[in-house]
Amino acid sequence: NFVFATTARARDNFKPVRGPVEAGRALRARQQAGQRSGILFGRERFGLYNDEVGLADEIVTFPVDPAFSSLNIAQAALLMSYEWMKSGLEDETKTNFSSPDMMPATKEQLHGLFAYLEGALEARGYFRPAPKKPKMVDNLRAVLTRAGFAEPELKVLRGIISSLDRFSPAMPRGDGSPSDDPRRLPAAARAAKATDKDQA
């Protein structure tokens, strides 16, 4: 339901950045609320790609010397494991996070919404110019993962996208099936339908 990405590089996105102590407490609180959470570590040589960071909910960065900001995987895992362990021993483990009334959406559900939205935007020529599409997709995912959606909220968003995808001012919702719109039919089918109408 929730993933931290570990990175020391400045990123051009919209995600909150936490320190390891705060991140450990937040993960502990989510675990106690029955949520599945995790930490995404980068590669030994060059860390995480931007699109991988874009799939996470928030960023965790260690307060180290900026001139030597890169840690190897073992060090990063050790520090985060320590903060996780320590968060369970403190007298006060509460954060601003509280158990939501709605179950947070799974990553599978969220990625399904991404794919659906990307397809709808692609069909309408949103990603222009084409070379900028990867960056635009990264920004889109960063914005949508910022809030930490609940499962019912994703259903609302999917319904909105579906309505935009299926209906138009000429054929609004309640004005018949979207398949009745002649503009949605292939050219041959439109011609056949027009011929049948003339003969009638």
N, C-alpha and C. Protein backbone atom coordinates (compact mmCIF):
# COMPACT_ATOMS: atom_id res chain seq x y z
N ASN A 1 0.80 -1.21 0.00
CA ASN A 1 0.00 0.00 0.00
C ASN A 1 0.84 1.28 0.00
N PHE A 2 2.09 1.18 0.48
CA PHE A 2 2.91 2.39 0.61
C PHE A 2 4.39 2.02 0.46
N VAL A 3 5.12 2.83 -0.32
CA VAL A 3 6.53 2.54 -0.59
C VAL A 3 7.37 3.81 -0.46
N PHE A 4 8.46 3.72 0.29
CA PHE A 4 9.50 4.76 0.32
C PHE A 4 10.56 4.41 -0.71
N ALA A 5 11.08 5.43 -1.41
CA ALA A 5 12.22 5.27 -2.30
C ALA A 5 13.43 5.94 -1.66
N THR A 6 14.56 5.25 -1.59
CA THR A 6 15.77 5.83 -1.00
C THR A 6 16.60 6.47 -2.12
N THR A 7 16.91 7.74 -1.97
CA THR A 7 17.73 8.42 -2.96
C THR A 7 18.36 9.66 -2.34
N ALA A 8 19.57 9.98 -2.77
CA ALA A 8 20.27 11.17 -2.29
C ALA A 8 20.26 12.28 -3.32
N ARG A 9 19.81 11.97 -4.55
CA ARG A 9 19.84 12.96 -5.61
C ARG A 9 18.59 13.82 -5.58
N ALA A 10 18.76 15.08 -5.93
CA ALA A 10 17.60 15.97 -6.04
C ALA A 10 16.75 15.52 -7.22
N ARG A 11 15.45 15.43 -7.02
CA ARG A 11 14.55 14.95 -8.06
C ARG A 11 13.55 16.04 -8.42
N ASP A 12 13.24 16.09 -9.72
CA ASP A 12 12.27 17.07 -10.20
C ASP A 12 10.88 16.42 -10.15
N ASN A 13 10.34 16.30 -8.95
CA ASN A 13 9.00 15.75 -8.82
C ASN A 13 8.29 16.39 -7.63
N PHE A 14 7.17 15.81 -7.23
CA PHE A 14 6.30 16.44 -6.24
C PHE A 14 6.22 15.64 -4.95
N LYS A 15 7.15 14.76 -4.69
CA LYS A 15 7.03 13.86 -3.56
C LYS A 15 7.63 14.44 -2.28
N PRO A 16 6.98 14.18 -1.14
CA PRO A 16 7.57 14.59 0.13
C PRO A 16 8.87 13.86 0.39
N VAL A 17 9.81 14.52 1.07
CA VAL A 17 11.10 13.92 1.41
C VAL A 17 11.20 13.81 2.93
N ARG A 18 11.48 12.61 3.42
CA ARG A 18 11.58 12.36 4.86
C ARG A 18 13.00 11.95 5.23
N GLY A 19 13.33 12.14 6.50
CA GLY A 19 14.55 11.60 7.06
C GLY A 19 14.31 10.17 7.51
N PRO A 20 15.35 9.41 7.82
CA PRO A 20 15.18 8.01 8.19
C PRO A 20 14.40 7.80 9.48
N VAL A 21 14.54 8.70 10.47
CA VAL A 21 13.80 8.54 11.73
C VAL A 21 12.30 8.69 11.47
N GLU A 22 11.95 9.75 10.76
CA GLU A 22 10.54 9.99 10.45
C GLU A 22 9.98 8.87 9.58
N ALA A 23 10.79 8.41 8.62
CA ALA A 23 10.33 7.34 7.74
C ALA A 23 10.11 6.04 8.52
N GLY A 24 11.01 5.72 9.45
CA GLY A 24 10.85 4.52 10.26
C GLY A 24 9.57 4.56 11.08
N ARG A 25 9.26 5.70 11.66
CA ARG A 25 8.04 5.85 12.44
C ARG A 25 6.80 5.73 11.56
N ALA A 26 6.85 6.34 10.40
CA ALA A 26 5.71 6.28 9.50
C ALA A 26 5.44 4.85 9.04
N LEU A 27 6.51 4.11 8.73
CA LEU A 27 6.34 2.72 8.32
C LEU A 27 5.78 1.87 9.46
N ARG A 28 6.25 2.13 10.68
CA ARG A 28 5.76 1.39 11.84
C ARG A 28 4.27 1.65 12.06
N ALA A 29 3.86 2.91 11.93
CA ALA A 29 2.45 3.26 12.12
C ALA A 29 1.58 2.60 11.06
N ARG A 30 2.06 2.57 9.82
CA ARG A 30 1.29 1.93 8.76
C ARG A 30 1.21 0.41 8.98
N GLN A 31 2.31 -0.18 9.44
CA GLN A 31 2.31 -1.61 9.71
C GLN A 31 1.31 -1.94 10.82
N GLN A 32 1.25 -1.12 11.85
CA GLN A 32 0.31 -1.34 12.95
C GLN A 32 -1.13 -1.13 12.51
N ALA A 33 -1.32 -0.35 11.44
CA ALA A 33 -2.67 -0.13 10.89
C ALA A 33 -3.08 -1.22 9.93
N GLY A 34 -2.21 -2.24 9.76
CA GLY A 34 -2.55 -3.37 8.89
C GLY A 34 -2.21 -3.16 7.43
N GLN A 35 -1.39 -2.14 7.12
CA GLN A 35 -1.02 -1.90 5.73
C GLN A 35 0.28 -2.60 5.37
N ARG A 36 0.42 -2.92 4.10
CA ARG A 36 1.66 -3.49 3.59
C ARG A 36 2.53 -2.34 3.07
N SER A 37 3.73 -2.24 3.56
CA SER A 37 4.60 -1.13 3.17
C SER A 37 6.00 -1.67 2.88
N GLY A 38 6.81 -0.84 2.24
CA GLY A 38 8.16 -1.29 1.89
C GLY A 38 9.09 -0.13 1.59
N ILE A 39 10.35 -0.49 1.38
CA ILE A 39 11.41 0.48 1.06
C ILE A 39 12.09 0.03 -0.21
N LEU A 40 12.22 0.95 -1.16
CA LEU A 40 12.83 0.64 -2.45
C LEU A 40 14.27 1.16 -2.45
N PHE A 41 15.22 0.24 -2.57
CA PHE A 41 16.64 0.61 -2.60
C PHE A 41 17.16 0.58 -4.03
N GLY A 42 18.12 1.46 -4.31
CA GLY A 42 18.66 1.55 -5.66
C GLY A 42 19.82 0.59 -5.91
N ARG A 43 20.33 0.67 -7.10
CA ARG A 43 21.45 -0.18 -7.50
C ARG A 43 22.75 0.31 -6.86
N GLU A 44 23.69 -0.58 -6.74
CA GLU A 44 24.95 -0.24 -6.10
C GLU A 44 25.68 0.89 -6.82
N ARG A 45 25.62 0.88 -8.13
CA ARG A 45 26.42 1.83 -8.91
C ARG A 45 25.73 3.18 -9.11
N PHE A 46 24.43 3.17 -9.39
CA PHE A 46 23.80 4.44 -9.76
C PHE A 46 22.40 4.62 -9.18
N GLY A 47 22.02 3.85 -8.21
CA GLY A 47 20.76 4.11 -7.51
C GLY A 47 19.52 3.76 -8.31
N LEU A 48 18.49 4.57 -8.16
CA LEU A 48 17.20 4.34 -8.79
C LEU A 48 17.00 5.24 -10.01
N TYR A 49 16.31 4.72 -11.02
CA TYR A 49 15.91 5.54 -12.16
C TYR A 49 14.76 6.46 -11.74
N ASN A 50 14.58 7.55 -12.47
CA ASN A 50 13.51 8.49 -12.15
C ASN A 50 12.13 7.83 -12.20
N ASP A 51 11.91 6.95 -13.19
CA ASP A 51 10.60 6.33 -13.28
C ASP A 51 10.35 5.37 -12.13
N GLU A 52 11.42 4.81 -11.56
CA GLU A 52 11.26 3.94 -10.39
C GLU A 52 10.91 4.77 -9.15
N VAL A 53 11.59 5.91 -8.99
CA VAL A 53 11.24 6.80 -7.88
C VAL A 53 9.81 7.30 -8.05
N GLY A 54 9.39 7.51 -9.31
CA GLY A 54 8.04 7.98 -9.57
C GLY A 54 6.96 7.03 -9.12
N LEU A 55 7.27 5.75 -9.00
CA LEU A 55 6.29 4.77 -8.55
C LEU A 55 6.15 4.71 -7.04
N ALA A 56 7.09 5.32 -6.32
CA ALA A 56 7.02 5.32 -4.86
C ALA A 56 6.11 6.44 -4.37
N ASP A 57 5.72 6.36 -3.10
CA ASP A 57 4.84 7.37 -2.52
C ASP A 57 5.62 8.56 -1.97
N GLU A 58 6.75 8.29 -1.30
CA GLU A 58 7.56 9.35 -0.72
C GLU A 58 9.03 8.96 -0.84
N ILE A 59 9.91 9.93 -0.55
CA ILE A 59 11.36 9.72 -0.65
C ILE A 59 11.96 9.77 0.75
N VAL A 60 12.93 8.90 1.01
CA VAL A 60 13.69 8.98 2.26
C VAL A 60 15.14 9.24 1.89
N THR A 61 15.74 10.24 2.53
CA THR A 61 17.13 10.64 2.28
C THR A 61 17.87 10.71 3.61
N PHE A 62 19.07 10.19 3.65
CA PHE A 62 19.86 10.18 4.88
C PHE A 62 20.60 11.50 5.04
N PRO A 63 20.66 12.07 6.24
CA PRO A 63 21.36 13.34 6.49
C PRO A 63 22.87 13.13 6.59
N VAL A 64 23.50 13.04 5.43
CA VAL A 64 24.95 12.81 5.39
C VAL A 64 25.62 14.00 4.72
N ASP A 65 26.94 13.99 4.72
CA ASP A 65 27.73 15.04 4.07
C ASP A 65 27.38 15.08 2.58
N PRO A 66 26.93 16.23 2.06
CA PRO A 66 26.55 16.30 0.63
C PRO A 66 27.68 15.90 -0.30
N ALA A 67 28.92 16.08 0.13
CA ALA A 67 30.05 15.71 -0.73
C ALA A 67 30.22 14.20 -0.82
N PHE A 68 29.62 13.46 0.13
CA PHE A 68 29.73 12.00 0.15
C PHE A 68 28.35 11.43 0.44
N SER A 69 27.37 11.81 -0.39
CA SER A 69 25.97 11.50 -0.10
C SER A 69 25.57 10.08 -0.47
N SER A 70 26.37 9.41 -1.29
CA SER A 70 25.99 8.09 -1.76
C SER A 70 26.40 7.01 -0.75
N LEU A 71 25.46 6.14 -0.42
CA LEU A 71 25.72 5.00 0.45
C LEU A 71 25.55 3.71 -0.35
N ASN A 72 26.32 2.68 0.03
CA ASN A 72 26.07 1.42 -0.65
C ASN A 72 24.81 0.77 -0.09
N ILE A 73 24.35 -0.27 -0.76
CA ILE A 73 23.06 -0.87 -0.41
C ILE A 73 23.07 -1.41 1.01
N ALA A 74 24.18 -2.03 1.42
CA ALA A 74 24.25 -2.61 2.76
C ALA A 74 24.12 -1.52 3.83
N GLN A 75 24.77 -0.38 3.62
CA GLN A 75 24.69 0.71 4.58
C GLN A 75 23.27 1.28 4.63
N ALA A 76 22.67 1.48 3.47
CA ALA A 76 21.32 2.04 3.42
C ALA A 76 20.32 1.10 4.08
N ALA A 77 20.43 -0.21 3.79
CA ALA A 77 19.52 -1.18 4.39
C ALA A 77 19.72 -1.25 5.90
N LEU A 78 20.97 -1.17 6.34
CA LEU A 78 21.26 -1.22 7.77
C LEU A 78 20.65 -0.02 8.50
N LEU A 79 20.82 1.17 7.93
CA LEU A 79 20.28 2.37 8.57
C LEU A 79 18.75 2.34 8.65
N MET A 80 18.11 1.94 7.57
CA MET A 80 16.65 1.89 7.58
C MET A 80 16.14 0.78 8.49
N SER A 81 16.83 -0.34 8.53
CA SER A 81 16.44 -1.44 9.42
C SER A 81 16.56 -1.01 10.88
N TYR A 82 17.62 -0.27 11.19
CA TYR A 82 17.82 0.22 12.55
C TYR A 82 16.71 1.17 12.96
N GLU A 83 16.36 2.09 12.08
CA GLU A 83 15.30 3.05 12.40
C GLU A 83 13.95 2.35 12.52
N TRP A 84 13.75 1.32 11.71
CA TRP A 84 12.51 0.53 11.83
C TRP A 84 12.46 -0.17 13.19
N MET A 85 13.56 -0.80 13.58
CA MET A 85 13.61 -1.50 14.86
C MET A 85 13.43 -0.52 16.01
N LYS A 86 14.11 0.63 15.95
CA LYS A 86 14.05 1.62 17.01
C LYS A 86 12.66 2.21 17.17
N SER A 87 11.94 2.33 16.07
CA SER A 87 10.60 2.92 16.14
C SER A 87 9.65 2.05 16.96
N GLY A 88 9.93 0.75 17.06
CA GLY A 88 9.08 -0.13 17.84
C GLY A 88 9.42 -0.13 19.31
N LEU A 89 10.54 0.49 19.69
CA LEU A 89 10.96 0.51 21.09
C LEU A 89 10.68 1.84 21.77
N GLU A 90 10.30 2.85 21.01
CA GLU A 90 10.06 4.16 21.58
C GLU A 90 8.73 4.20 22.32
N ASP A 91 8.66 5.03 23.34
CA ASP A 91 7.40 5.18 24.08
C ASP A 91 6.33 5.82 23.21
N GLU A 92 6.76 6.74 22.39
CA GLU A 92 5.81 7.45 21.53
C GLU A 92 6.12 7.12 20.08
N THR A 93 5.28 6.34 19.45
CA THR A 93 5.51 5.94 18.06
C THR A 93 4.50 6.55 17.11
N LYS A 94 3.62 7.39 17.62
CA LYS A 94 2.59 7.95 16.76
C LYS A 94 3.17 9.05 15.89
N THR A 95 2.63 9.15 14.68
CA THR A 95 2.98 10.24 13.76
C THR A 95 1.68 10.94 13.38
N ASN A 96 1.79 11.86 12.45
CA ASN A 96 0.60 12.53 11.97
C ASN A 96 -0.31 11.58 11.20
N PHE A 97 0.25 10.42 10.81
CA PHE A 97 -0.54 9.44 10.08
C PHE A 97 -1.47 8.71 11.05
N SER A 98 -2.70 8.54 10.66
CA SER A 98 -3.64 7.75 11.45
C SER A 98 -4.33 6.76 10.53
N SER A 99 -4.82 5.69 11.08
CA SER A 99 -5.46 4.65 10.29
C SER A 99 -6.67 5.21 9.56
N PRO A 100 -6.70 5.09 8.25
CA PRO A 100 -7.82 5.65 7.50
C PRO A 100 -9.06 4.79 7.64
N ASP A 101 -10.21 5.42 7.38
CA ASP A 101 -11.46 4.68 7.38
C ASP A 101 -11.55 3.76 6.18
N MET A 102 -10.87 4.13 5.10
CA MET A 102 -10.88 3.34 3.88
C MET A 102 -9.53 2.64 3.72
N MET A 103 -9.58 1.43 3.19
CA MET A 103 -8.35 0.67 2.98
C MET A 103 -7.55 1.30 1.85
N PRO A 104 -6.27 1.58 2.06
CA PRO A 104 -5.45 2.15 0.98
C PRO A 104 -5.41 1.23 -0.23
N ALA A 105 -5.34 1.84 -1.38
CA ALA A 105 -5.28 1.07 -2.62
C ALA A 105 -3.96 0.31 -2.71
N THR A 106 -3.99 -0.84 -3.35
CA THR A 106 -2.76 -1.59 -3.58
C THR A 106 -2.01 -0.99 -4.76
N LYS A 107 -0.73 -1.31 -4.87
CA LYS A 107 0.05 -0.80 -6.00
C LYS A 107 -0.48 -1.35 -7.32
N GLU A 108 -0.98 -2.56 -7.31
CA GLU A 108 -1.55 -3.15 -8.53
C GLU A 108 -2.73 -2.32 -9.01
N GLN A 109 -3.59 -1.92 -8.08
CA GLN A 109 -4.75 -1.10 -8.45
C GLN A 109 -4.31 0.27 -8.96
N LEU A 110 -3.32 0.85 -8.30
CA LEU A 110 -2.84 2.17 -8.70
C LEU A 110 -2.18 2.12 -10.07
N HIS A 111 -1.38 1.08 -10.33
CA HIS A 111 -0.73 0.95 -11.64
C HIS A 111 -1.76 0.70 -12.73
N GLY A 112 -2.86 0.01 -12.37
CA GLY A 112 -3.93 -0.19 -13.34
C GLY A 112 -4.56 1.13 -13.74
N LEU A 113 -4.74 2.03 -12.77
CA LEU A 113 -5.27 3.36 -13.07
C LEU A 113 -4.29 4.14 -13.96
N PHE A 114 -2.99 4.04 -13.67
CA PHE A 114 -1.98 4.71 -14.49
C PHE A 114 -2.11 4.27 -15.95
N ALA A 115 -2.16 2.95 -16.15
CA ALA A 115 -2.23 2.42 -17.51
C ALA A 115 -3.49 2.88 -18.22
N TYR A 116 -4.61 2.88 -17.51
CA TYR A 116 -5.89 3.30 -18.08
C TYR A 116 -5.85 4.77 -18.48
N LEU A 117 -5.33 5.61 -17.58
CA LEU A 117 -5.25 7.05 -17.85
C LEU A 117 -4.27 7.34 -18.97
N GLU A 118 -3.14 6.66 -18.96
CA GLU A 118 -2.15 6.88 -20.02
C GLU A 118 -2.73 6.53 -21.38
N GLY A 119 -3.49 5.42 -21.45
CA GLY A 119 -4.11 5.04 -22.72
C GLY A 119 -5.12 6.07 -23.20
N ALA A 120 -5.93 6.60 -22.27
CA ALA A 120 -6.92 7.60 -22.64
C ALA A 120 -6.26 8.89 -23.12
N LEU A 121 -5.17 9.30 -22.45
CA LEU A 121 -4.46 10.51 -22.85
C LEU A 121 -3.72 10.32 -24.18
N GLU A 122 -3.18 9.13 -24.37
CA GLU A 122 -2.47 8.82 -25.62
C GLU A 122 -3.43 8.93 -26.80
N ALA A 123 -4.65 8.43 -26.63
CA ALA A 123 -5.64 8.44 -27.71
C ALA A 123 -6.04 9.86 -28.10
N ARG A 124 -5.87 10.80 -27.17
CA ARG A 124 -6.26 12.17 -27.42
C ARG A 124 -5.09 13.09 -27.73
N GLY A 125 -3.91 12.50 -27.94
CA GLY A 125 -2.75 13.29 -28.32
C GLY A 125 -2.20 14.17 -27.23
N TYR A 126 -2.37 13.76 -25.98
CA TYR A 126 -1.90 14.58 -24.85
C TYR A 126 -0.39 14.67 -24.80
N PHE A 127 0.28 13.57 -25.14
CA PHE A 127 1.73 13.51 -24.98
C PHE A 127 2.42 14.11 -26.21
N ARG A 128 2.51 15.44 -26.20
CA ARG A 128 3.16 16.15 -27.31
C ARG A 128 4.20 17.10 -26.74
N PRO A 129 5.36 17.22 -27.38
CA PRO A 129 5.85 16.37 -28.46
C PRO A 129 6.22 14.97 -27.96
N ALA A 130 6.28 14.02 -28.87
CA ALA A 130 6.49 12.62 -28.52
C ALA A 130 7.75 12.38 -27.68
N PRO A 131 8.89 13.06 -27.97
CA PRO A 131 10.09 12.79 -27.16
C PRO A 131 9.92 13.13 -25.68
N LYS A 132 8.97 13.99 -25.36
CA LYS A 132 8.76 14.38 -23.96
C LYS A 132 7.81 13.44 -23.21
N LYS A 133 7.27 12.44 -23.91
CA LYS A 133 6.30 11.56 -23.27
C LYS A 133 6.84 10.88 -22.01
N PRO A 134 8.06 10.29 -22.00
CA PRO A 134 8.53 9.64 -20.78
C PRO A 134 8.54 10.56 -19.57
N LYS A 135 8.98 11.81 -19.76
CA LYS A 135 9.01 12.76 -18.65
C LYS A 135 7.60 13.14 -18.22
N MET A 136 6.70 13.29 -19.17
CA MET A 136 5.32 13.63 -18.85
C MET A 136 4.66 12.49 -18.08
N VAL A 137 4.96 11.26 -18.46
CA VAL A 137 4.41 10.10 -17.74
C VAL A 137 4.98 10.06 -16.32
N ASP A 138 6.28 10.33 -16.17
CA ASP A 138 6.90 10.36 -14.83
C ASP A 138 6.21 11.39 -13.94
N ASN A 139 5.97 12.60 -14.49
CA ASN A 139 5.32 13.66 -13.71
C ASN A 139 3.89 13.28 -13.35
N LEU A 140 3.20 12.65 -14.29
CA LEU A 140 1.83 12.24 -14.05
C LEU A 140 1.77 11.22 -12.91
N ARG A 141 2.66 10.26 -12.93
CA ARG A 141 2.68 9.24 -11.88
C ARG A 141 3.07 9.86 -10.54
N ALA A 142 4.00 10.83 -10.57
CA ALA A 142 4.42 11.47 -9.32
C ALA A 142 3.26 12.22 -8.67
N VAL A 143 2.46 12.90 -9.49
CA VAL A 143 1.32 13.64 -8.96
C VAL A 143 0.28 12.69 -8.38
N LEU A 144 0.01 11.59 -9.08
CA LEU A 144 -1.04 10.68 -8.65
C LEU A 144 -0.64 9.84 -7.45
N THR A 145 0.64 9.65 -7.20
CA THR A 145 1.04 8.86 -6.04
C THR A 145 1.27 9.73 -4.81
N ARG A 146 1.18 11.01 -4.96
CA ARG A 146 1.51 11.90 -3.84
C ARG A 146 0.52 11.76 -2.68
N ALA A 147 -0.76 11.62 -2.99
CA ALA A 147 -1.77 11.68 -1.95
C ALA A 147 -1.95 10.37 -1.18
N GLY A 148 -1.59 9.24 -1.76
CA GLY A 148 -1.82 7.96 -1.13
C GLY A 148 -3.30 7.62 -1.19
N PHE A 149 -3.79 7.24 -2.38
CA PHE A 149 -5.21 7.03 -2.58
C PHE A 149 -5.73 5.80 -1.87
N ALA A 150 -7.00 5.87 -1.47
CA ALA A 150 -7.72 4.71 -0.98
C ALA A 150 -8.39 4.02 -2.16
N GLU A 151 -8.72 2.75 -1.98
CA GLU A 151 -9.30 1.98 -3.07
C GLU A 151 -10.58 2.61 -3.63
N PRO A 152 -11.52 3.08 -2.77
CA PRO A 152 -12.72 3.72 -3.33
C PRO A 152 -12.42 4.98 -4.13
N GLU A 153 -11.36 5.69 -3.76
CA GLU A 153 -11.00 6.90 -4.50
C GLU A 153 -10.52 6.56 -5.91
N LEU A 154 -9.79 5.46 -6.04
CA LEU A 154 -9.35 5.04 -7.37
C LEU A 154 -10.54 4.67 -8.24
N LYS A 155 -11.56 4.08 -7.63
CA LYS A 155 -12.76 3.73 -8.40
C LYS A 155 -13.46 4.99 -8.91
N VAL A 156 -13.48 6.04 -8.10
CA VAL A 156 -14.06 7.30 -8.53
C VAL A 156 -13.27 7.87 -9.71
N LEU A 157 -11.94 7.88 -9.60
CA LEU A 157 -11.10 8.41 -10.68
C LEU A 157 -11.25 7.59 -11.95
N ARG A 158 -11.31 6.28 -11.81
CA ARG A 158 -11.46 5.42 -12.99
C ARG A 158 -12.81 5.69 -13.65
N GLY A 159 -13.86 5.91 -12.85
CA GLY A 159 -15.17 6.24 -13.41
C GLY A 159 -15.15 7.56 -14.16
N ILE A 160 -14.41 8.55 -13.61
CA ILE A 160 -14.30 9.85 -14.29
C ILE A 160 -13.60 9.69 -15.64
N ILE A 161 -12.48 8.97 -15.63
CA ILE A 161 -11.73 8.76 -16.88
C ILE A 161 -12.57 8.00 -17.88
N SER A 162 -13.30 7.00 -17.40
CA SER A 162 -14.16 6.21 -18.29
C SER A 162 -15.23 7.08 -18.93
N SER A 163 -15.81 8.00 -18.15
CA SER A 163 -16.83 8.90 -18.69
C SER A 163 -16.25 9.81 -19.75
N LEU A 164 -15.05 10.34 -19.48
CA LEU A 164 -14.39 11.21 -20.47
C LEU A 164 -14.02 10.42 -21.72
N ASP A 165 -13.70 9.16 -21.53
CA ASP A 165 -13.26 8.32 -22.64
C ASP A 165 -14.43 7.90 -23.53
N ARG A 166 -15.62 7.75 -22.91
CA ARG A 166 -16.74 7.16 -23.64
C ARG A 166 -17.76 8.17 -24.15
N PHE A 167 -17.94 9.26 -23.43
CA PHE A 167 -19.03 10.16 -23.75
C PHE A 167 -18.51 11.50 -24.27
N SER A 168 -19.34 12.21 -25.00
CA SER A 168 -18.98 13.49 -25.60
C SER A 168 -20.17 14.43 -25.49
N PRO A 169 -19.98 15.73 -25.73
CA PRO A 169 -21.12 16.65 -25.70
C PRO A 169 -22.24 16.23 -26.65
N ALA A 170 -21.86 15.63 -27.80
CA ALA A 170 -22.87 15.19 -28.76
C ALA A 170 -23.62 13.96 -28.27
N MET A 171 -22.94 13.13 -27.47
CA MET A 171 -23.55 11.90 -26.93
C MET A 171 -23.30 11.87 -25.43
N PRO A 172 -23.98 12.71 -24.63
CA PRO A 172 -23.73 12.74 -23.20
C PRO A 172 -24.26 11.48 -22.51
N ARG A 173 -23.84 11.30 -21.27
CA ARG A 173 -24.34 10.18 -20.48
C ARG A 173 -25.87 10.27 -20.37
N GLY A 174 -26.55 9.14 -20.55
CA GLY A 174 -28.00 9.12 -20.51
C GLY A 174 -28.63 9.30 -21.88
N ASP A 175 -27.82 9.53 -22.91
CA ASP A 175 -28.32 9.74 -24.27
C ASP A 175 -28.02 8.53 -25.14
N GLY A 176 -28.24 7.36 -24.58
CA GLY A 176 -27.95 6.14 -25.33
C GLY A 176 -26.56 5.63 -25.05
N SER A 177 -26.26 4.48 -25.63
CA SER A 177 -24.95 3.87 -25.45
C SER A 177 -23.90 4.62 -26.24
N PRO A 178 -22.67 4.70 -25.73
CA PRO A 178 -21.60 5.33 -26.52
C PRO A 178 -21.40 4.67 -27.88
N SER A 179 -21.77 3.38 -27.97
CA SER A 179 -21.61 2.69 -29.25
C SER A 179 -22.60 3.20 -30.29
N ASP A 180 -23.65 3.94 -29.84
CA ASP A 180 -24.61 4.49 -30.79
C ASP A 180 -24.05 5.70 -31.53
N ASP A 181 -22.98 6.27 -31.02
CA ASP A 181 -22.39 7.45 -31.65
C ASP A 181 -21.74 7.01 -32.96
N PRO A 182 -22.24 7.49 -34.11
CA PRO A 182 -21.70 7.04 -35.40
C PRO A 182 -20.22 7.37 -35.58
N ARG A 183 -19.75 8.37 -34.85
CA ARG A 183 -18.34 8.74 -35.00
C ARG A 183 -17.42 7.69 -34.41
N ARG A 184 -17.97 6.78 -33.57
CA ARG A 184 -17.15 5.74 -32.97
C ARG A 184 -17.06 4.50 -33.86
N LEU A 185 -17.87 4.44 -34.91
CA LEU A 185 -17.89 3.26 -35.77
C LEU A 185 -16.83 3.39 -36.85
N PRO A 186 -16.28 2.26 -37.33
CA PRO A 186 -15.37 2.29 -38.48
C PRO A 186 -16.09 2.87 -39.69
N ALA A 187 -15.34 3.34 -40.67
CA ALA A 187 -15.91 4.00 -41.84
C ALA A 187 -16.91 3.09 -42.56
N ALA A 188 -16.57 1.81 -42.73
CA ALA A 188 -17.45 0.88 -43.44
C ALA A 188 -18.77 0.70 -42.69
N ALA A 189 -18.68 0.63 -41.37
CA ALA A 189 -19.89 0.45 -40.56
C ALA A 189 -20.76 1.69 -40.62
N ARG A 190 -20.13 2.87 -40.65
CA ARG A 190 -20.90 4.11 -40.74
C ARG A 190 -21.65 4.18 -42.07
N ALA A 191 -20.97 3.76 -43.15
CA ALA A 191 -21.60 3.80 -44.46
C ALA A 191 -22.78 2.83 -44.53
N ALA A 192 -22.59 1.64 -43.95
CA ALA A 192 -23.68 0.64 -43.95
C ALA A 192 -24.86 1.13 -43.15
N LYS A 193 -24.62 1.75 -42.03
CA LYS A 193 -25.69 2.26 -41.18
C LYS A 193 -26.43 3.38 -41.89
N ALA A 194 -25.71 4.24 -42.62
CA ALA A 194 -26.36 5.32 -43.36
C ALA A 194 -27.22 4.77 -44.49
N THR A 195 -26.74 3.70 -45.18
CA THR A 195 -27.49 3.07 -46.25
C THR A 195 -28.79 2.46 -45.74
N ASP A 196 -28.69 1.78 -44.58
CA ASP A 196 -29.89 1.18 -43.99
C ASP A 196 -30.92 2.24 -43.63
N LYS A 197 -30.44 3.39 -43.15
CA LYS A 197 -31.35 4.48 -42.78
C LYS A 197 -32.05 5.04 -44.01
N ASP A 198 -31.28 5.20 -45.14
CA ASP A 198 -31.87 5.73 -46.37
C ASP A 198 -32.93 4.80 -46.92
N GLN A 199 -32.65 3.50 -46.87
CA GLN A 199 -33.59 2.51 -47.41
C GLN A 199 -34.87 2.47 -46.58
N ALA A 200 -34.74 2.71 -45.28
CA ALA A 200 -35.91 2.70 -44.43
C ALA A 200 -36.80 3.92 -44.76
